[in-house]
Amino acid sequence: MNDPGSDPVRRARPDHHDPTGGLGGAAPAASALTLRLVLATFGLLVCAGGALWSLAVDGPVWITVGLAVLAVVAVVDLVVVARRKSRGEPG
């Protein structure tokens, strides 16, 4: 249980990936998780709506499938971002 990787507070620190984080160099990068959440939601709505519209008007199959795949990618991104935010990562 002394593994620092199992401590959620330690994992949530912005420089937890950099072993020399406090010794100098560039500041740790911070992820804009809230912006990513908003953009993934927008992408999901647009792609799902576009896929449904393409189905309704008998559009080309490749457009419908492409938009559906992008909607699934947006859902996966939403799950990943929500999990990271619930873990306490800043952003």
PDB file of N, CA and C in Angstrom:
ATOM      1  N   MET A   1       0.811  -1.201   0.000  1.00  0.00           N
ATOM      2  CA  MET A   1       0.000   0.000   0.000  1.00  0.00           C
ATOM      3  C   MET A   1       0.855   1.266   0.000  1.00  0.00           C
ATOM      4  N   ASN A   2       2.158   1.168  -0.057  1.00  0.00           N
ATOM      5  CA  ASN A   2       3.014   2.340  -0.079  1.00  0.00           C
ATOM      6  C   ASN A   2       3.289   2.824  -1.486  1.00  0.00           C
ATOM      7  N   ASP A   3       2.630   2.250  -2.461  1.00  0.00           N
ATOM      8  CA  ASP A   3       2.814   2.643  -3.856  1.00  0.00           C
ATOM      9  C   ASP A   3       2.213   4.023  -4.072  1.00  0.00           C
ATOM     10  N   PRO A   4       3.025   5.045  -4.452  1.00  0.00           N
ATOM     11  CA  PRO A   4       2.479   6.382  -4.647  1.00  0.00           C
ATOM     12  C   PRO A   4       1.478   6.444  -5.785  1.00  0.00           C
ATOM     13  N   GLY A   5       1.498   5.492  -6.692  1.00  0.00           N
ATOM     14  CA  GLY A   5       0.542   5.492  -7.791  1.00  0.00           C
ATOM     15  C   GLY A   5      -0.860   5.126  -7.355  1.00  0.00           C
ATOM     16  N   SER A   6      -1.003   4.527  -6.155  1.00  0.00           N
ATOM     17  CA  SER A   6      -2.328   4.150  -5.678  1.00  0.00           C
ATOM     18  C   SER A   6      -2.984   5.255  -4.870  1.00  0.00           C
ATOM     19  N   ASP A   7      -2.275   6.303  -4.554  1.00  0.00           N
ATOM     20  CA  ASP A   7      -2.821   7.416  -3.776  1.00  0.00           C
ATOM     21  C   ASP A   7      -3.524   8.388  -4.714  1.00  0.00           C
ATOM     22  N   PRO A   8      -4.874   8.550  -4.616  1.00  0.00           N
ATOM     23  CA  PRO A   8      -5.582   9.424  -5.557  1.00  0.00           C
ATOM     24  C   PRO A   8      -5.187  10.891  -5.432  1.00  0.00           C
ATOM     25  N   VAL A   9      -4.809  11.334  -4.248  1.00  0.00           N
ATOM     26  CA  VAL A   9      -4.408  12.733  -4.095  1.00  0.00           C
ATOM     27  C   VAL A   9      -3.095  12.982  -4.823  1.00  0.00           C
ATOM     28  N   ARG A  10      -2.163  12.051  -4.705  1.00  0.00           N
ATOM     29  CA  ARG A  10      -0.869  12.207  -5.378  1.00  0.00           C
ATOM     30  C   ARG A  10      -1.035  12.138  -6.891  1.00  0.00           C
ATOM     31  N   ARG A  11      -1.921  11.246  -7.374  1.00  0.00           N
ATOM     32  CA  ARG A  11      -2.143  11.126  -8.811  1.00  0.00           C
ATOM     33  C   ARG A  11      -2.771  12.383  -9.387  1.00  0.00           C
ATOM     34  N   ALA A  12      -3.513  13.142  -8.589  1.00  0.00           N
ATOM     35  CA  ALA A  12      -4.218  14.316  -9.086  1.00  0.00           C
ATOM     36  C   ALA A  12      -3.320  15.538  -9.213  1.00  0.00           C
ATOM     37  N   ARG A  13      -2.119  15.461  -8.710  1.00  0.00           N
ATOM     38  CA  ARG A  13      -1.219  16.609  -8.813  1.00  0.00           C
ATOM     39  C   ARG A  13      -0.763  16.785 -10.248  1.00  0.00           C
ATOM     40  N   PRO A  14      -0.646  18.050 -10.710  1.00  0.00           N
ATOM     41  CA  PRO A  14      -0.322  18.291 -12.116  1.00  0.00           C
ATOM     42  C   PRO A  14       1.022  17.754 -12.571  1.00  0.00           C
ATOM     43  N   ASP A  15       1.987  17.595 -11.667  1.00  0.00           N
ATOM     44  CA  ASP A  15       3.312  17.155 -12.089  1.00  0.00           C
ATOM     45  C   ASP A  15       3.593  15.710 -11.686  1.00  0.00           C
ATOM     46  N   HIS A  16       2.555  14.899 -11.505  1.00  0.00           N
ATOM     47  CA  HIS A  16       2.782  13.542 -11.016  1.00  0.00           C
ATOM     48  C   HIS A  16       3.480  12.647 -12.029  1.00  0.00           C
ATOM     49  N   HIS A  17       3.535  13.028 -13.299  1.00  0.00           N
ATOM     50  CA  HIS A  17       4.225  12.222 -14.308  1.00  0.00           C
ATOM     51  C   HIS A  17       5.703  12.584 -14.431  1.00  0.00           C
ATOM     52  N   ASP A  18       6.098  13.699 -13.867  1.00  0.00           N
ATOM     53  CA  ASP A  18       7.455  14.201 -14.030  1.00  0.00           C
ATOM     54  C   ASP A  18       8.249  13.964 -12.756  1.00  0.00           C
ATOM     55  N   PRO A  19       9.222  13.064 -12.779  1.00  0.00           N
ATOM     56  CA  PRO A  19       9.987  12.797 -11.563  1.00  0.00           C
ATOM     57  C   PRO A  19      10.802  13.994 -11.094  1.00  0.00           C
ATOM     58  N   THR A  20      11.087  14.945 -11.984  1.00  0.00           N
ATOM     59  CA  THR A  20      11.843  16.139 -11.599  1.00  0.00           C
ATOM     60  C   THR A  20      10.922  17.344 -11.524  1.00  0.00           C
ATOM     61  N   GLY A  21       9.645  17.130 -11.237  1.00  0.00           N
ATOM     62  CA  GLY A  21       8.633  18.187 -11.277  1.00  0.00           C
ATOM     63  C   GLY A  21       8.947  19.423 -10.458  1.00  0.00           C
ATOM     64  N   GLY A  22       9.481  19.278  -9.268  1.00  0.00           N
ATOM     65  CA  GLY A  22       9.732  20.435  -8.431  1.00  0.00           C
ATOM     66  C   GLY A  22      11.138  20.975  -8.508  1.00  0.00           C
ATOM     67  N   LEU A  23      11.984  20.428  -9.371  1.00  0.00           N
ATOM     68  CA  LEU A  23      13.389  20.809  -9.390  1.00  0.00           C
ATOM     69  C   LEU A  23      13.725  21.907 -10.389  1.00  0.00           C
ATOM     70  N   GLY A  24      12.849  22.272 -11.240  1.00  0.00           N
ATOM     71  CA  GLY A  24      13.129  23.303 -12.223  1.00  0.00           C
ATOM     72  C   GLY A  24      12.606  22.909 -13.583  1.00  0.00           C
ATOM     73  N   GLY A  25      12.893  23.713 -14.549  1.00  0.00           N
ATOM     74  CA  GLY A  25      12.407  23.437 -15.895  1.00  0.00           C
ATOM     75  C   GLY A  25      11.056  24.079 -16.134  1.00  0.00           C
ATOM     76  N   ALA A  26      10.361  23.578 -17.104  1.00  0.00           N
ATOM     77  CA  ALA A  26       9.063  24.147 -17.475  1.00  0.00           C
ATOM     78  C   ALA A  26       8.016  23.811 -16.420  1.00  0.00           C
ATOM     79  N   ALA A  27       7.028  24.656 -16.341  1.00  0.00           N
ATOM     80  CA  ALA A  27       5.911  24.406 -15.432  1.00  0.00           C
ATOM     81  C   ALA A  27       5.131  23.193 -15.933  1.00  0.00           C
ATOM     82  N   PRO A  28       4.494  22.456 -15.032  1.00  0.00           N
ATOM     83  CA  PRO A  28       3.733  21.285 -15.467  1.00  0.00           C
ATOM     84  C   PRO A  28       2.540  21.691 -16.328  1.00  0.00           C
ATOM     85  N   ALA A  29       2.273  20.894 -17.329  1.00  0.00           N
ATOM     86  CA  ALA A  29       1.143  21.174 -18.207  1.00  0.00           C
ATOM     87  C   ALA A  29      -0.144  20.809 -17.493  1.00  0.00           C
ATOM     88  N   ALA A  30      -1.172  21.611 -17.728  1.00  0.00           N
ATOM     89  CA  ALA A  30      -2.484  21.344 -17.149  1.00  0.00           C
ATOM     90  C   ALA A  30      -3.465  21.065 -18.285  1.00  0.00           C
ATOM     91  N   SER A  31      -4.255  20.038 -18.116  1.00  0.00           N
ATOM     92  CA  SER A  31      -5.233  19.662 -19.125  1.00  0.00           C
ATOM     93  C   SER A  31      -6.505  20.478 -18.940  1.00  0.00           C
ATOM     94  N   ALA A  32      -7.095  20.923 -20.018  1.00  0.00           N
ATOM     95  CA  ALA A  32      -8.342  21.674 -19.966  1.00  0.00           C
ATOM     96  C   ALA A  32      -9.502  20.684 -20.075  1.00  0.00           C
ATOM     97  N   LEU A  33      -9.753  19.954 -18.989  1.00  0.00           N
ATOM     98  CA  LEU A  33     -10.756  18.892 -19.020  1.00  0.00           C
ATOM     99  C   LEU A  33     -12.163  19.430 -19.225  1.00  0.00           C
ATOM    100  N   THR A  34     -12.476  20.588 -18.658  1.00  0.00           N
ATOM    101  CA  THR A  34     -13.816  21.132 -18.826  1.00  0.00           C
ATOM    102  C   THR A  34     -14.060  21.526 -20.278  1.00  0.00           C
ATOM    103  N   LEU A  35     -13.080  22.129 -20.915  1.00  0.00           N
ATOM    104  CA  LEU A  35     -13.217  22.462 -22.337  1.00  0.00           C
ATOM    105  C   LEU A  35     -13.366  21.190 -23.164  1.00  0.00           C
ATOM    106  N   ARG A  36     -12.595  20.179 -22.842  1.00  0.00           N
ATOM    107  CA  ARG A  36     -12.689  18.913 -23.570  1.00  0.00           C
ATOM    108  C   ARG A  36     -14.062  18.277 -23.380  1.00  0.00           C
ATOM    109  N   LEU A  37     -14.641  18.420 -22.186  1.00  0.00           N
ATOM    110  CA  LEU A  37     -15.979  17.906 -21.907  1.00  0.00           C
ATOM    111  C   LEU A  37     -17.022  18.638 -22.744  1.00  0.00           C
ATOM    112  N   VAL A  38     -16.907  19.950 -22.833  1.00  0.00           N
ATOM    113  CA  VAL A  38     -17.852  20.747 -23.633  1.00  0.00           C
ATOM    114  C   VAL A  38     -17.726  20.402 -25.114  1.00  0.00           C
ATOM    115  N   LEU A  39     -16.500  20.300 -25.609  1.00  0.00           N
ATOM    116  CA  LEU A  39     -16.306  19.991 -27.024  1.00  0.00           C
ATOM    117  C   LEU A  39     -16.777  18.578 -27.376  1.00  0.00           C
ATOM    118  N   ALA A  40     -16.561  17.625 -26.481  1.00  0.00           N
ATOM    119  CA  ALA A  40     -17.034  16.264 -26.731  1.00  0.00           C
ATOM    120  C   ALA A  40     -18.556  16.206 -26.730  1.00  0.00           C
ATOM    121  N   THR A  41     -19.188  16.966 -25.847  1.00  0.00           N
ATOM    122  CA  THR A  41     -20.654  17.029 -25.830  1.00  0.00           C
ATOM    123  C   THR A  41     -21.180  17.636 -27.118  1.00  0.00           C
ATOM    124  N   PHE A  42     -20.564  18.721 -27.560  1.00  0.00           N
ATOM    125  CA  PHE A  42     -20.964  19.353 -28.818  1.00  0.00           C
ATOM    126  C   PHE A  42     -20.784  18.382 -29.984  1.00  0.00           C
ATOM    127  N   GLY A  43     -19.659  17.695 -30.031  1.00  0.00           N
ATOM    128  CA  GLY A  43     -19.407  16.734 -31.095  1.00  0.00           C
ATOM    129  C   GLY A  43     -20.409  15.597 -31.086  1.00  0.00           C
ATOM    130  N   LEU A  44     -20.760  15.136 -29.900  1.00  0.00           N
ATOM    131  CA  LEU A  44     -21.751  14.065 -29.794  1.00  0.00           C
ATOM    132  C   LEU A  44     -23.104  14.517 -30.334  1.00  0.00           C
ATOM    133  N   LEU A  45     -23.533  15.707 -29.939  1.00  0.00           N
ATOM    134  CA  LEU A  45     -24.832  16.206 -30.400  1.00  0.00           C
ATOM    135  C   LEU A  45     -24.856  16.411 -31.912  1.00  0.00           C
ATOM    136  N   VAL A  46     -23.800  17.011 -32.449  1.00  0.00           N
ATOM    137  CA  VAL A  46     -23.748  17.282 -33.886  1.00  0.00           C
ATOM    138  C   VAL A  46     -23.664  15.984 -34.685  1.00  0.00           C
ATOM    139  N   CYS A  47     -22.809  15.083 -34.271  1.00  0.00           N
ATOM    140  CA  CYS A  47     -22.625  13.832 -35.020  1.00  0.00           C
ATOM    141  C   CYS A  47     -23.832  12.917 -34.915  1.00  0.00           C
ATOM    142  N   ALA A  48     -24.409  12.800 -33.729  1.00  0.00           N
ATOM    143  CA  ALA A  48     -25.597  11.958 -33.570  1.00  0.00           C
ATOM    144  C   ALA A  48     -26.775  12.558 -34.343  1.00  0.00           C
ATOM    145  N   GLY A  49     -26.922  13.875 -34.250  1.00  0.00           N
ATOM    146  CA  GLY A  49     -27.991  14.532 -35.016  1.00  0.00           C
ATOM    147  C   GLY A  49     -27.791  14.388 -36.515  1.00  0.00           C
ATOM    148  N   GLY A  50     -26.558  14.536 -36.961  1.00  0.00           N
ATOM    149  CA  GLY A  50     -26.262  14.382 -38.383  1.00  0.00           C
ATOM    150  C   GLY A  50     -26.498  12.961 -38.870  1.00  0.00           C
ATOM    151  N   ALA A  51     -26.146  11.979 -38.047  1.00  0.00           N
ATOM    152  CA  ALA A  51     -26.376  10.582 -38.428  1.00  0.00           C
ATOM    153  C   ALA A  51     -27.871  10.289 -38.517  1.00  0.00           C
ATOM    154  N   LEU A  52     -28.633  10.786 -37.546  1.00  0.00           N
ATOM    155  CA  LEU A  52     -30.086  10.579 -37.589  1.00  0.00           C
ATOM    156  C   LEU A  52     -30.714  11.291 -38.784  1.00  0.00           C
ATOM    157  N   TRP A  53     -30.256  12.494 -39.063  1.00  0.00           N
ATOM    158  CA  TRP A  53     -30.774  13.232 -40.215  1.00  0.00           C
ATOM    159  C   TRP A  53     -30.429  12.501 -41.516  1.00  0.00           C
ATOM    160  N   SER A  54     -29.221  11.993 -41.608  1.00  0.00           N
ATOM    161  CA  SER A  54     -28.805  11.263 -42.800  1.00  0.00           C
ATOM    162  C   SER A  54     -29.631   9.990 -42.981  1.00  0.00           C
ATOM    163  N   LEU A  55     -29.969   9.344 -41.884  1.00  0.00           N
ATOM    164  CA  LEU A  55     -30.846   8.172 -41.973  1.00  0.00           C
ATOM    165  C   LEU A  55     -32.246   8.575 -42.442  1.00  0.00           C
ATOM    166  N   ALA A  56     -32.740   9.703 -41.940  1.00  0.00           N
ATOM    167  CA  ALA A  56     -34.108  10.132 -42.258  1.00  0.00           C
ATOM    168  C   ALA A  56     -34.263  10.526 -43.723  1.00  0.00           C
ATOM    169  N   VAL A  57     -33.225  11.121 -44.311  1.00  0.00           N
ATOM    170  CA  VAL A  57     -33.334  11.578 -45.702  1.00  0.00           C
ATOM    171  C   VAL A  57     -32.703  10.602 -46.691  1.00  0.00           C
ATOM    172  N   ASP A  58     -32.381   9.408 -46.215  1.00  0.00           N
ATOM    173  CA  ASP A  58     -31.748   8.392 -47.061  1.00  0.00           C
ATOM    174  C   ASP A  58     -30.452   8.901 -47.686  1.00  0.00           C
ATOM    175  N   GLY A  59     -29.597   9.456 -46.839  1.00  0.00           N
ATOM    176  CA  GLY A  59     -28.300   9.942 -47.297  1.00  0.00           C
ATOM    177  C   GLY A  59     -27.354   8.786 -47.574  1.00  0.00           C
ATOM    178  N   PRO A  60     -26.178   9.104 -48.071  1.00  0.00           N
ATOM    179  CA  PRO A  60     -25.191   8.050 -48.342  1.00  0.00           C
ATOM    180  C   PRO A  60     -24.832   7.294 -47.061  1.00  0.00           C
ATOM    181  N   VAL A  61     -24.657   6.008 -47.205  1.00  0.00           N
ATOM    182  CA  VAL A  61     -24.369   5.152 -46.043  1.00  0.00           C
ATOM    183  C   VAL A  61     -23.047   5.538 -45.397  1.00  0.00           C
ATOM    184  N   TRP A  62     -22.044   5.896 -46.196  1.00  0.00           N
ATOM    185  CA  TRP A  62     -20.731   6.207 -45.619  1.00  0.00           C
ATOM    186  C   TRP A  62     -20.793   7.446 -44.729  1.00  0.00           C
ATOM    187  N   ILE A  63     -21.668   8.397 -45.057  1.00  0.00           N
ATOM    188  CA  ILE A  63     -21.811   9.583 -44.198  1.00  0.00           C
ATOM    189  C   ILE A  63     -22.468   9.191 -42.881  1.00  0.00           C
ATOM    190  N   THR A  64     -23.509   8.380 -42.968  1.00  0.00           N
ATOM    191  CA  THR A  64     -24.208   7.937 -41.760  1.00  0.00           C
ATOM    192  C   THR A  64     -23.273   7.145 -40.849  1.00  0.00           C
ATOM    193  N   VAL A  65     -22.534   6.217 -41.415  1.00  0.00           N
ATOM    194  CA  VAL A  65     -21.609   5.398 -40.625  1.00  0.00           C
ATOM    195  C   VAL A  65     -20.486   6.265 -40.048  1.00  0.00           C
ATOM    196  N   GLY A  66     -19.957   7.168 -40.840  1.00  0.00           N
ATOM    197  CA  GLY A  66     -18.890   8.049 -40.360  1.00  0.00           C
ATOM    198  C   GLY A  66     -19.334   8.910 -39.185  1.00  0.00           C
ATOM    199  N   LEU A  67     -20.521   9.482 -39.300  1.00  0.00           N
ATOM    200  CA  LEU A  67     -21.031  10.312 -38.204  1.00  0.00           C
ATOM    201  C   LEU A  67     -21.329   9.460 -36.964  1.00  0.00           C
ATOM    202  N   ALA A  68     -21.831   8.251 -37.165  1.00  0.00           N
ATOM    203  CA  ALA A  68     -22.099   7.376 -36.026  1.00  0.00           C
ATOM    204  C   ALA A  68     -20.802   6.983 -35.321  1.00  0.00           C
ATOM    205  N   VAL A  69     -19.765   6.714 -36.088  1.00  0.00           N
ATOM    206  CA  VAL A  69     -18.466   6.369 -35.490  1.00  0.00           C
ATOM    207  C   VAL A  69     -17.922   7.554 -34.695  1.00  0.00           C
ATOM    208  N   LEU A  70     -18.026   8.753 -35.246  1.00  0.00           N
ATOM    209  CA  LEU A  70     -17.562   9.940 -34.523  1.00  0.00           C
ATOM    210  C   LEU A  70     -18.381  10.178 -33.255  1.00  0.00           C
ATOM    211  N   ALA A  71     -19.672   9.871 -33.290  1.00  0.00           N
ATOM    212  CA  ALA A  71     -20.506  10.007 -32.092  1.00  0.00           C
ATOM    213  C   ALA A  71     -20.048   9.018 -31.018  1.00  0.00           C
ATOM    214  N   VAL A  72     -19.692   7.808 -31.410  1.00  0.00           N
ATOM    215  CA  VAL A  72     -19.192   6.819 -30.445  1.00  0.00           C
ATOM    216  C   VAL A  72     -17.859   7.279 -29.861  1.00  0.00           C
ATOM    217  N   VAL A  73     -17.005   7.848 -30.679  1.00  0.00           N
ATOM    218  CA  VAL A  73     -15.723   8.374 -30.188  1.00  0.00           C
ATOM    219  C   VAL A  73     -15.978   9.490 -29.170  1.00  0.00           C
ATOM    220  N   ALA A  74     -16.962  10.339 -29.426  1.00  0.00           N
ATOM    221  CA  ALA A  74     -17.298  11.415 -28.491  1.00  0.00           C
ATOM    222  C   ALA A  74     -17.797  10.845 -27.165  1.00  0.00           C
ATOM    223  N   VAL A  75     -18.590   9.773 -27.212  1.00  0.00           N
ATOM    224  CA  VAL A  75     -19.078   9.151 -25.977  1.00  0.00           C
ATOM    225  C   VAL A  75     -17.907   8.585 -25.172  1.00  0.00           C
ATOM    226  N   VAL A  76     -16.978   7.930 -25.847  1.00  0.00           N
ATOM    227  CA  VAL A  76     -15.805   7.386 -25.154  1.00  0.00           C
ATOM    228  C   VAL A  76     -15.003   8.519 -24.514  1.00  0.00           C
ATOM    229  N   ASP A  77     -14.834   9.615 -25.233  1.00  0.00           N
ATOM    230  CA  ASP A  77     -14.103  10.757 -24.684  1.00  0.00           C
ATOM    231  C   ASP A  77     -14.831  11.333 -23.468  1.00  0.00           C
ATOM    232  N   LEU A  78     -16.155  11.415 -23.530  1.00  0.00           N
ATOM    233  CA  LEU A  78     -16.924  11.904 -22.385  1.00  0.00           C
ATOM    234  C   LEU A  78     -16.711  11.017 -21.156  1.00  0.00           C
ATOM    235  N   VAL A  79     -16.693   9.713 -21.351  1.00  0.00           N
ATOM    236  CA  VAL A  79     -16.480   8.792 -20.228  1.00  0.00           C
ATOM    237  C   VAL A  79     -15.079   8.973 -19.641  1.00  0.00           C
ATOM    238  N   VAL A  80     -14.080   9.094 -20.504  1.00  0.00           N
ATOM    239  CA  VAL A  80     -12.700   9.262 -20.030  1.00  0.00           C
ATOM    240  C   VAL A  80     -12.548  10.563 -19.260  1.00  0.00           C
ATOM    241  N   VAL A  81     -13.097  11.645 -19.789  1.00  0.00           N
ATOM    242  CA  VAL A  81     -12.970  12.944 -19.121  1.00  0.00           C
ATOM    243  C   VAL A  81     -13.732  12.945 -17.802  1.00  0.00           C
ATOM    244  N   ALA A  82     -14.933  12.381 -17.788  1.00  0.00           N
ATOM    245  CA  ALA A  82     -15.707  12.334 -16.540  1.00  0.00           C
ATOM    246  C   ALA A  82     -14.981  11.522 -15.473  1.00  0.00           C
ATOM    247  N   ARG A  83     -14.334  10.442 -15.888  1.00  0.00           N
ATOM    248  CA  ARG A  83     -13.579   9.619 -14.936  1.00  0.00           C
ATOM    249  C   ARG A  83     -12.392  10.393 -14.375  1.00  0.00           C
ATOM    250  N   ARG A  84     -11.691  11.132 -15.242  1.00  0.00           N
ATOM    251  CA  ARG A  84     -10.543  11.912 -14.773  1.00  0.00           C
ATOM    252  C   ARG A  84     -10.988  13.036 -13.845  1.00  0.00           C
ATOM    253  N   LYS A  85     -12.104  13.686 -14.160  1.00  0.00           N
ATOM    254  CA  LYS A  85     -12.589  14.770 -13.294  1.00  0.00           C
ATOM    255  C   LYS A  85     -13.057  14.229 -11.946  1.00  0.00           C
ATOM    256  N   SER A  86     -13.685  13.059 -11.959  1.00  0.00           N
ATOM    257  CA  SER A  86     -14.159  12.492 -10.683  1.00  0.00           C
ATOM    258  C   SER A  86     -12.986  12.049  -9.807  1.00  0.00           C
ATOM    259  N   ARG A  87     -11.851  11.756 -10.439  1.00  0.00           N
ATOM    260  CA  ARG A  87     -10.649  11.374  -9.708  1.00  0.00           C
ATOM    261  C   ARG A  87      -9.985  12.587  -9.060  1.00  0.00           C
ATOM    262  N   GLY A  88     -10.406  13.781  -9.480  1.00  0.00           N
ATOM    263  CA  GLY A  88      -9.888  14.986  -8.848  1.00  0.00           C
ATOM    264  C   GLY A  88      -8.830  15.714  -9.634  1.00  0.00           C
ATOM    265  N   GLU A  89      -8.625  15.344 -10.881  1.00  0.00           N
ATOM    266  CA  GLU A  89      -7.611  16.048 -11.671  1.00  0.00           C
ATOM    267  C   GLU A  89      -8.074  17.467 -11.969  1.00  0.00           C
ATOM    268  N   PRO A  90      -7.165  18.419 -11.930  1.00  0.00           N
ATOM    269  CA  PRO A  90      -7.561  19.807 -12.211  1.00  0.00           C
ATOM    270  C   PRO A  90      -7.856  20.008 -13.680  1.00  0.00           C
ATOM    271  N   GLY A  91      -8.674  20.984 -13.965  1.00  0.00           N
ATOM    272  CA  GLY A  91      -8.948  21.300 -15.360  1.00  0.00           C
ATOM    273  C   GLY A  91     -10.381  21.430 -15.562  1.00  0.00           C
TER     274      GLY A  91
END
